[in-house]
Amino acid sequence: MNVFWRLTILLVLLTGTNLYAQKIKVACVGNSVTAGYLLAQPEKQAYPAQLQQLLGDGYQVGNFGHSGATLLKKGHNPYFKTKAFREALNFKADIAIIHLGLNDTDPRNWPNYKDNFQADYQWLMDTLRQQNPKLKVYICRLTPIFSGHPRFKSGTRDWYWQV
């Protein structure tokens, strides 16, 4: 065995470095906040891109946001029916960060299907775990709603706190 390979093997053994180490995969699952809606460069400015910069090369952060998505399966734009959801499943993440629920406060959703919210959330987490049973899940608190959005002029402010 030549000297290069002997030194490489020795370095690996001494440092505990695995030359074949896989990056830790982080799936950011969510709605427009995750997708970076209205940002000039969502691929650089959305929170998943910022998280990638903070975590560094040992991680692979995927943005699986879909603007307008609801967590509720019977909602007006269910996340589980989106391309982003299918891509999140195929990503087979080690960590999932979920930011869904804000669009569920829409009058078309919450009053009619609020009793399904917890079960639908559990279904989402269980479905993601089917791809990786060791998946760690972090659920984000909802981002604040603002009064200028026409949808938030109804009872959605109260429903926001229920979510």
N, C-alpha and C. Protein backbone atom coordinates (compact mmCIF):
# COMPACT_ATOMS: atom_id res chain seq x y z
N MET A 1 0.86 -1.17 0.00
CA MET A 1 0.00 0.00 0.00
C MET A 1 0.91 1.23 0.00
N ASN A 2 0.59 2.20 -0.85
CA ASN A 2 1.47 3.37 -0.92
C ASN A 2 1.29 4.27 0.30
N VAL A 3 2.19 5.17 0.48
CA VAL A 3 2.24 6.05 1.64
C VAL A 3 1.00 6.93 1.75
N PHE A 4 0.49 7.43 0.62
CA PHE A 4 -0.70 8.29 0.63
C PHE A 4 -1.88 7.59 1.29
N TRP A 5 -2.16 6.36 0.88
CA TRP A 5 -3.31 5.64 1.42
C TRP A 5 -3.11 5.29 2.88
N ARG A 6 -1.89 4.95 3.26
CA ARG A 6 -1.61 4.66 4.67
C ARG A 6 -1.86 5.89 5.54
N LEU A 7 -1.40 7.06 5.06
CA LEU A 7 -1.61 8.29 5.81
C LEU A 7 -3.09 8.66 5.87
N THR A 8 -3.80 8.45 4.79
CA THR A 8 -5.23 8.74 4.74
C THR A 8 -5.99 7.87 5.74
N ILE A 9 -5.69 6.58 5.74
CA ILE A 9 -6.35 5.66 6.67
C ILE A 9 -6.01 6.03 8.11
N LEU A 10 -4.76 6.34 8.36
CA LEU A 10 -4.35 6.75 9.70
C LEU A 10 -5.08 8.02 10.14
N LEU A 11 -5.18 8.99 9.24
CA LEU A 11 -5.88 10.25 9.55
C LEU A 11 -7.35 9.98 9.87
N VAL A 12 -7.98 9.13 9.10
CA VAL A 12 -9.37 8.79 9.34
C VAL A 12 -9.53 8.11 10.69
N LEU A 13 -8.68 7.19 11.01
CA LEU A 13 -8.76 6.49 12.29
C LEU A 13 -8.50 7.43 13.47
N LEU A 14 -7.57 8.34 13.32
CA LEU A 14 -7.22 9.24 14.41
C LEU A 14 -8.28 10.31 14.65
N THR A 15 -8.87 10.80 13.58
CA THR A 15 -9.84 11.89 13.72
C THR A 15 -11.27 11.40 13.84
N GLY A 16 -11.50 10.15 13.52
CA GLY A 16 -12.86 9.64 13.55
C GLY A 16 -13.68 10.14 12.38
N THR A 17 -13.04 10.73 11.39
CA THR A 17 -13.73 11.27 10.24
C THR A 17 -14.19 10.14 9.34
N ASN A 18 -15.40 10.23 8.90
CA ASN A 18 -15.94 9.28 7.95
C ASN A 18 -15.96 9.95 6.59
N LEU A 19 -15.13 9.45 5.68
CA LEU A 19 -15.06 10.04 4.35
C LEU A 19 -16.37 9.92 3.60
N TYR A 20 -17.21 9.00 4.03
CA TYR A 20 -18.46 8.77 3.33
C TYR A 20 -19.66 9.28 4.13
N ALA A 21 -19.41 10.18 5.04
CA ALA A 21 -20.50 10.70 5.88
C ALA A 21 -21.56 11.39 5.02
N GLN A 22 -22.78 11.10 5.35
CA GLN A 22 -23.90 11.71 4.65
C GLN A 22 -24.26 13.01 5.35
N LYS A 23 -24.73 13.94 4.58
CA LYS A 23 -25.22 15.19 5.16
C LYS A 23 -26.53 14.91 5.88
N ILE A 24 -26.77 15.66 6.94
CA ILE A 24 -28.04 15.58 7.65
C ILE A 24 -29.06 16.37 6.84
N LYS A 25 -30.15 15.71 6.50
CA LYS A 25 -31.18 16.33 5.66
C LYS A 25 -32.26 16.98 6.51
N VAL A 26 -32.53 18.24 6.21
CA VAL A 26 -33.55 19.01 6.91
C VAL A 26 -34.62 19.42 5.90
N ALA A 27 -35.84 18.96 6.11
CA ALA A 27 -36.96 19.32 5.23
C ALA A 27 -37.77 20.43 5.88
N CYS A 28 -37.85 21.55 5.20
CA CYS A 28 -38.69 22.66 5.66
C CYS A 28 -40.03 22.55 4.93
N VAL A 29 -41.04 22.17 5.66
CA VAL A 29 -42.37 21.89 5.13
C VAL A 29 -43.28 23.05 5.54
N GLY A 30 -44.01 23.61 4.59
CA GLY A 30 -44.87 24.70 4.99
C GLY A 30 -45.61 25.39 3.87
N ASN A 31 -46.01 26.61 4.18
CA ASN A 31 -46.81 27.43 3.26
C ASN A 31 -45.95 28.53 2.65
N SER A 32 -46.55 29.68 2.39
CA SER A 32 -45.84 30.78 1.73
C SER A 32 -44.69 31.32 2.56
N VAL A 33 -44.79 31.25 3.87
CA VAL A 33 -43.69 31.72 4.72
C VAL A 33 -42.45 30.88 4.43
N THR A 34 -42.63 29.58 4.29
CA THR A 34 -41.52 28.68 3.98
C THR A 34 -41.06 28.87 2.54
N ALA A 35 -42.01 28.98 1.62
CA ALA A 35 -41.67 29.11 0.20
C ALA A 35 -40.95 30.41 -0.11
N GLY A 36 -41.20 31.44 0.70
CA GLY A 36 -40.57 32.73 0.46
C GLY A 36 -41.40 33.64 -0.43
N TYR A 37 -42.70 33.48 -0.34
CA TYR A 37 -43.63 34.28 -1.14
C TYR A 37 -43.34 35.78 -0.98
N LEU A 38 -43.32 36.48 -2.10
CA LEU A 38 -43.08 37.92 -2.22
C LEU A 38 -41.63 38.36 -1.96
N LEU A 39 -40.75 37.42 -1.69
CA LEU A 39 -39.33 37.78 -1.57
C LEU A 39 -38.74 37.92 -2.96
N ALA A 40 -37.83 38.85 -3.14
CA ALA A 40 -37.20 39.06 -4.45
C ALA A 40 -36.45 37.82 -4.91
N GLN A 41 -35.77 37.15 -3.99
CA GLN A 41 -35.00 35.95 -4.32
C GLN A 41 -35.25 34.88 -3.26
N PRO A 42 -36.40 34.20 -3.34
CA PRO A 42 -36.74 33.23 -2.31
C PRO A 42 -35.68 32.13 -2.16
N GLU A 43 -35.02 31.77 -3.24
CA GLU A 43 -34.00 30.72 -3.16
C GLU A 43 -32.80 31.14 -2.31
N LYS A 44 -32.67 32.44 -2.06
CA LYS A 44 -31.59 32.96 -1.21
C LYS A 44 -32.11 33.59 0.08
N GLN A 45 -33.35 34.09 0.06
CA GLN A 45 -33.85 34.87 1.18
C GLN A 45 -34.85 34.15 2.09
N ALA A 46 -35.51 33.12 1.58
CA ALA A 46 -36.49 32.40 2.40
C ALA A 46 -35.77 31.75 3.58
N TYR A 47 -36.52 31.49 4.64
CA TYR A 47 -35.86 30.97 5.84
C TYR A 47 -35.12 29.65 5.62
N PRO A 48 -35.57 28.73 4.74
CA PRO A 48 -34.77 27.52 4.54
C PRO A 48 -33.38 27.82 3.95
N ALA A 49 -33.28 28.80 3.07
CA ALA A 49 -31.98 29.18 2.51
C ALA A 49 -31.10 29.80 3.60
N GLN A 50 -31.70 30.59 4.45
CA GLN A 50 -30.95 31.18 5.56
C GLN A 50 -30.50 30.11 6.55
N LEU A 51 -31.36 29.13 6.79
CA LEU A 51 -31.01 28.02 7.67
C LEU A 51 -29.85 27.22 7.09
N GLN A 52 -29.86 27.00 5.79
CA GLN A 52 -28.75 26.29 5.14
C GLN A 52 -27.42 27.01 5.40
N GLN A 53 -27.44 28.32 5.27
CA GLN A 53 -26.21 29.10 5.53
C GLN A 53 -25.76 28.96 6.97
N LEU A 54 -26.70 28.99 7.89
CA LEU A 54 -26.35 28.89 9.31
C LEU A 54 -25.82 27.51 9.68
N LEU A 55 -26.42 26.47 9.11
CA LEU A 55 -26.02 25.11 9.47
C LEU A 55 -24.73 24.66 8.78
N GLY A 56 -24.48 25.15 7.58
CA GLY A 56 -23.24 24.82 6.89
C GLY A 56 -23.29 23.55 6.06
N ASP A 57 -22.11 23.11 5.67
CA ASP A 57 -21.97 22.02 4.70
C ASP A 57 -22.35 20.65 5.22
N GLY A 58 -22.45 20.47 6.51
CA GLY A 58 -22.82 19.17 7.05
C GLY A 58 -24.31 18.89 6.94
N TYR A 59 -25.06 19.86 6.43
CA TYR A 59 -26.51 19.74 6.31
C TYR A 59 -26.95 20.02 4.89
N GLN A 60 -28.07 19.41 4.53
CA GLN A 60 -28.73 19.70 3.27
C GLN A 60 -30.16 20.11 3.61
N VAL A 61 -30.45 21.39 3.41
CA VAL A 61 -31.78 21.91 3.76
C VAL A 61 -32.62 22.01 2.49
N GLY A 62 -33.79 21.42 2.52
CA GLY A 62 -34.71 21.47 1.39
C GLY A 62 -35.91 22.35 1.70
N ASN A 63 -36.28 23.19 0.74
CA ASN A 63 -37.45 24.05 0.89
C ASN A 63 -38.64 23.37 0.21
N PHE A 64 -39.57 22.92 1.02
CA PHE A 64 -40.77 22.26 0.52
C PHE A 64 -42.02 23.06 0.88
N GLY A 65 -41.89 24.37 0.70
CA GLY A 65 -43.01 25.26 0.96
C GLY A 65 -43.92 25.36 -0.25
N HIS A 66 -45.20 25.53 0.02
CA HIS A 66 -46.21 25.72 -1.04
C HIS A 66 -47.14 26.84 -0.61
N SER A 67 -47.10 27.94 -1.32
CA SER A 67 -47.91 29.10 -0.96
C SER A 67 -49.40 28.76 -0.92
N GLY A 68 -50.03 29.20 0.14
CA GLY A 68 -51.47 29.00 0.30
C GLY A 68 -51.86 27.65 0.86
N ALA A 69 -50.90 26.79 1.17
CA ALA A 69 -51.20 25.44 1.62
C ALA A 69 -51.86 25.42 2.99
N THR A 70 -52.78 24.50 3.14
CA THR A 70 -53.41 24.25 4.44
C THR A 70 -52.90 22.92 4.98
N LEU A 71 -52.85 22.82 6.28
CA LEU A 71 -52.56 21.53 6.90
C LEU A 71 -53.78 20.63 6.79
N LEU A 72 -54.95 21.22 6.96
CA LEU A 72 -56.19 20.45 6.92
C LEU A 72 -56.33 19.74 5.58
N LYS A 73 -56.56 18.45 5.64
CA LYS A 73 -56.70 17.65 4.42
C LYS A 73 -57.95 18.04 3.64
N LYS A 74 -58.97 18.56 4.36
CA LYS A 74 -60.20 19.02 3.69
C LYS A 74 -60.16 20.53 3.46
N GLY A 75 -59.03 21.16 3.69
CA GLY A 75 -58.91 22.59 3.48
C GLY A 75 -58.98 22.95 2.00
N HIS A 76 -58.97 24.24 1.73
CA HIS A 76 -59.13 24.70 0.34
C HIS A 76 -57.89 24.45 -0.52
N ASN A 77 -56.74 24.20 0.09
CA ASN A 77 -55.49 23.95 -0.65
C ASN A 77 -54.60 23.02 0.19
N PRO A 78 -54.98 21.76 0.34
CA PRO A 78 -54.29 20.86 1.25
C PRO A 78 -52.84 20.58 0.82
N TYR A 79 -51.95 20.71 1.78
CA TYR A 79 -50.53 20.49 1.51
C TYR A 79 -50.27 19.09 0.97
N PHE A 80 -50.97 18.09 1.49
CA PHE A 80 -50.68 16.72 1.10
C PHE A 80 -50.97 16.44 -0.39
N LYS A 81 -51.67 17.34 -1.05
CA LYS A 81 -51.96 17.17 -2.48
C LYS A 81 -50.97 17.91 -3.38
N THR A 82 -49.95 18.52 -2.79
CA THR A 82 -49.03 19.35 -3.57
C THR A 82 -47.79 18.58 -4.03
N LYS A 83 -47.17 19.12 -5.05
CA LYS A 83 -45.89 18.60 -5.51
C LYS A 83 -44.83 18.73 -4.41
N ALA A 84 -44.90 19.82 -3.65
CA ALA A 84 -43.94 20.04 -2.56
C ALA A 84 -44.00 18.90 -1.55
N PHE A 85 -45.19 18.41 -1.25
CA PHE A 85 -45.34 17.31 -0.31
C PHE A 85 -44.68 16.05 -0.85
N ARG A 86 -44.93 15.73 -2.11
CA ARG A 86 -44.32 14.54 -2.72
C ARG A 86 -42.80 14.66 -2.71
N GLU A 87 -42.30 15.86 -2.99
CA GLU A 87 -40.85 16.07 -2.97
C GLU A 87 -40.29 15.95 -1.56
N ALA A 88 -41.03 16.41 -0.57
CA ALA A 88 -40.59 16.28 0.82
C ALA A 88 -40.50 14.81 1.22
N LEU A 89 -41.46 14.01 0.79
CA LEU A 89 -41.41 12.58 1.09
C LEU A 89 -40.20 11.93 0.44
N ASN A 90 -39.96 12.27 -0.82
CA ASN A 90 -38.82 11.69 -1.54
C ASN A 90 -37.47 12.13 -1.00
N PHE A 91 -37.44 13.25 -0.32
CA PHE A 91 -36.21 13.80 0.26
C PHE A 91 -35.69 12.92 1.40
N LYS A 92 -36.60 12.22 2.08
CA LYS A 92 -36.26 11.31 3.18
C LYS A 92 -35.41 12.01 4.23
N ALA A 93 -35.97 13.03 4.82
CA ALA A 93 -35.26 13.89 5.76
C ALA A 93 -34.93 13.19 7.08
N ASP A 94 -33.92 13.74 7.73
CA ASP A 94 -33.57 13.35 9.09
C ASP A 94 -34.29 14.25 10.10
N ILE A 95 -34.56 15.48 9.66
CA ILE A 95 -35.22 16.48 10.48
C ILE A 95 -36.29 17.15 9.62
N ALA A 96 -37.47 17.35 10.20
CA ALA A 96 -38.53 18.09 9.50
C ALA A 96 -38.92 19.29 10.36
N ILE A 97 -38.98 20.44 9.72
CA ILE A 97 -39.47 21.65 10.36
C ILE A 97 -40.78 21.99 9.67
N ILE A 98 -41.86 21.97 10.42
CA ILE A 98 -43.19 22.15 9.82
C ILE A 98 -43.77 23.49 10.24
N HIS A 99 -44.15 24.27 9.23
CA HIS A 99 -44.80 25.56 9.48
C HIS A 99 -46.07 25.59 8.65
N LEU A 100 -47.10 25.00 9.19
CA LEU A 100 -48.41 24.97 8.54
C LEU A 100 -49.48 25.34 9.57
N GLY A 101 -50.59 25.85 9.10
CA GLY A 101 -51.71 26.18 9.97
C GLY A 101 -52.26 27.57 9.74
N LEU A 102 -51.44 28.48 9.25
CA LEU A 102 -51.91 29.86 9.07
C LEU A 102 -53.05 29.93 8.06
N ASN A 103 -52.94 29.23 6.95
CA ASN A 103 -53.99 29.26 5.93
C ASN A 103 -55.23 28.48 6.36
N ASP A 104 -55.09 27.68 7.39
CA ASP A 104 -56.24 26.95 7.91
C ASP A 104 -57.22 27.87 8.61
N THR A 105 -56.78 29.09 8.95
CA THR A 105 -57.67 30.05 9.60
C THR A 105 -58.63 30.70 8.61
N ASP A 106 -58.53 30.36 7.36
CA ASP A 106 -59.45 30.87 6.33
C ASP A 106 -60.87 30.43 6.67
N PRO A 107 -61.87 31.29 6.44
CA PRO A 107 -63.26 30.92 6.74
C PRO A 107 -63.76 29.68 6.00
N ARG A 108 -63.10 29.31 4.91
CA ARG A 108 -63.49 28.09 4.19
C ARG A 108 -63.02 26.84 4.92
N ASN A 109 -62.14 27.01 5.90
CA ASN A 109 -61.50 25.85 6.51
C ASN A 109 -61.83 25.65 7.99
N TRP A 110 -61.37 26.58 8.81
CA TRP A 110 -61.38 26.37 10.26
C TRP A 110 -62.77 26.10 10.83
N PRO A 111 -63.78 26.90 10.47
CA PRO A 111 -65.08 26.65 11.10
C PRO A 111 -65.63 25.26 10.78
N ASN A 112 -65.30 24.76 9.60
CA ASN A 112 -65.87 23.48 9.15
C ASN A 112 -65.03 22.27 9.54
N TYR A 113 -63.70 22.42 9.60
CA TYR A 113 -62.83 21.25 9.73
C TYR A 113 -61.86 21.32 10.90
N LYS A 114 -62.06 22.27 11.82
CA LYS A 114 -61.10 22.45 12.91
C LYS A 114 -60.94 21.19 13.76
N ASP A 115 -61.96 20.37 13.86
CA ASP A 115 -61.86 19.15 14.66
C ASP A 115 -60.93 18.12 14.04
N ASN A 116 -60.56 18.31 12.78
CA ASN A 116 -59.65 17.39 12.09
C ASN A 116 -58.19 17.84 12.20
N PHE A 117 -57.95 19.02 12.72
CA PHE A 117 -56.61 19.62 12.68
C PHE A 117 -55.55 18.75 13.34
N GLN A 118 -55.79 18.32 14.57
CA GLN A 118 -54.78 17.52 15.27
C GLN A 118 -54.54 16.19 14.58
N ALA A 119 -55.59 15.53 14.15
CA ALA A 119 -55.44 14.24 13.46
C ALA A 119 -54.71 14.42 12.13
N ASP A 120 -55.01 15.49 11.41
CA ASP A 120 -54.32 15.74 10.14
C ASP A 120 -52.84 16.07 10.37
N TYR A 121 -52.55 16.77 11.45
CA TYR A 121 -51.15 17.08 11.78
C TYR A 121 -50.40 15.78 12.12
N GLN A 122 -51.04 14.93 12.92
CA GLN A 122 -50.43 13.64 13.26
C GLN A 122 -50.21 12.81 12.01
N TRP A 123 -51.18 12.81 11.10
CA TRP A 123 -51.05 12.07 9.85
C TRP A 123 -49.84 12.56 9.06
N LEU A 124 -49.67 13.87 8.99
CA LEU A 124 -48.53 14.43 8.26
C LEU A 124 -47.21 13.96 8.87
N MET A 125 -47.10 14.05 10.17
CA MET A 125 -45.86 13.62 10.83
C MET A 125 -45.62 12.12 10.65
N ASP A 126 -46.66 11.32 10.80
CA ASP A 126 -46.54 9.88 10.62
C ASP A 126 -46.14 9.53 9.19
N THR A 127 -46.70 10.23 8.23
CA THR A 127 -46.38 9.98 6.82
C THR A 127 -44.94 10.34 6.52
N LEU A 128 -44.46 11.45 7.05
CA LEU A 128 -43.05 11.81 6.88
C LEU A 128 -42.14 10.77 7.54
N ARG A 129 -42.56 10.26 8.68
CA ARG A 129 -41.75 9.25 9.40
C ARG A 129 -41.71 7.91 8.68
N GLN A 130 -42.65 7.65 7.79
CA GLN A 130 -42.61 6.40 7.03
C GLN A 130 -41.36 6.35 6.16
N GLN A 131 -40.86 7.51 5.76
CA GLN A 131 -39.66 7.57 4.94
C GLN A 131 -38.40 7.44 5.79
N ASN A 132 -38.47 7.85 7.05
CA ASN A 132 -37.36 7.75 7.99
C ASN A 132 -37.94 7.67 9.40
N PRO A 133 -38.01 6.46 9.96
CA PRO A 133 -38.60 6.30 11.29
C PRO A 133 -37.88 7.09 12.40
N LYS A 134 -36.64 7.49 12.17
CA LYS A 134 -35.89 8.24 13.17
C LYS A 134 -36.02 9.76 12.98
N LEU A 135 -36.93 10.16 12.12
CA LEU A 135 -37.15 11.58 11.83
C LEU A 135 -37.43 12.38 13.09
N LYS A 136 -36.74 13.50 13.25
CA LYS A 136 -37.03 14.44 14.33
C LYS A 136 -37.91 15.54 13.73
N VAL A 137 -38.99 15.85 14.42
CA VAL A 137 -39.96 16.83 13.91
C VAL A 137 -40.00 18.05 14.84
N TYR A 138 -39.91 19.22 14.22
CA TYR A 138 -40.07 20.48 14.94
C TYR A 138 -41.24 21.21 14.33
N ILE A 139 -42.17 21.62 15.18
CA ILE A 139 -43.36 22.34 14.73
C ILE A 139 -43.19 23.80 15.08
N CYS A 140 -43.31 24.65 14.08
CA CYS A 140 -43.16 26.10 14.29
C CYS A 140 -44.46 26.69 14.82
N ARG A 141 -44.30 27.70 15.64
CA ARG A 141 -45.46 28.51 16.01
C ARG A 141 -45.85 29.31 14.77
N LEU A 142 -47.10 29.65 14.68
CA LEU A 142 -47.56 30.40 13.52
C LEU A 142 -46.94 31.79 13.50
N THR A 143 -46.63 32.25 12.31
CA THR A 143 -46.16 33.62 12.17
C THR A 143 -47.32 34.56 12.47
N PRO A 144 -47.04 35.75 12.93
CA PRO A 144 -48.13 36.69 13.25
C PRO A 144 -48.93 37.04 12.00
N ILE A 145 -50.21 37.27 12.19
CA ILE A 145 -51.04 37.72 11.08
C ILE A 145 -51.07 39.25 11.12
N PHE A 146 -51.33 39.82 9.98
CA PHE A 146 -51.35 41.28 9.89
C PHE A 146 -52.71 41.74 9.41
N SER A 147 -53.08 42.91 9.85
CA SER A 147 -54.43 43.40 9.60
C SER A 147 -54.69 43.81 8.16
N GLY A 148 -53.66 44.05 7.37
CA GLY A 148 -53.85 44.51 6.00
C GLY A 148 -54.31 43.44 5.04
N HIS A 149 -54.19 42.19 5.39
CA HIS A 149 -54.58 41.11 4.50
C HIS A 149 -56.09 40.94 4.55
N PRO A 150 -56.77 40.94 3.38
CA PRO A 150 -58.23 40.90 3.38
C PRO A 150 -58.81 39.68 4.09
N ARG A 151 -58.14 38.55 4.02
CA ARG A 151 -58.67 37.34 4.65
C ARG A 151 -58.72 37.47 6.16
N PHE A 152 -57.87 38.28 6.73
CA PHE A 152 -57.78 38.35 8.17
C PHE A 152 -58.70 39.41 8.77
N LYS A 153 -59.68 39.84 8.01
CA LYS A 153 -60.66 40.81 8.53
C LYS A 153 -61.86 40.11 9.14
N SER A 154 -61.96 38.81 8.92
CA SER A 154 -63.10 38.08 9.47
C SER A 154 -62.71 37.54 10.85
N GLY A 155 -63.29 36.44 11.26
CA GLY A 155 -62.99 35.87 12.57
C GLY A 155 -61.68 35.12 12.62
N THR A 156 -60.88 35.23 11.56
CA THR A 156 -59.65 34.45 11.51
C THR A 156 -58.67 34.81 12.60
N ARG A 157 -58.75 36.02 13.11
CA ARG A 157 -57.85 36.41 14.21
C ARG A 157 -58.11 35.52 15.43
N ASP A 158 -59.37 35.24 15.72
CA ASP A 158 -59.71 34.35 16.82
C ASP A 158 -59.30 32.91 16.50
N TRP A 159 -59.49 32.50 15.28
CA TRP A 159 -59.14 31.12 14.88
C TRP A 159 -57.63 30.93 14.92
N TYR A 160 -56.88 31.98 14.62
CA TYR A 160 -55.42 31.93 14.70
C TYR A 160 -55.00 31.45 16.08
N TRP A 161 -55.60 32.01 17.12
CA TRP A 161 -55.23 31.63 18.48
C TRP A 161 -55.71 30.22 18.81
N GLN A 162 -56.77 29.76 18.16
CA GLN A 162 -57.20 28.38 18.37
C GLN A 162 -56.22 27.40 17.77
N VAL A 163 -55.68 27.75 16.60
CA VAL A 163 -54.67 26.88 15.97
C VAL A 163 -53.48 26.78 16.89
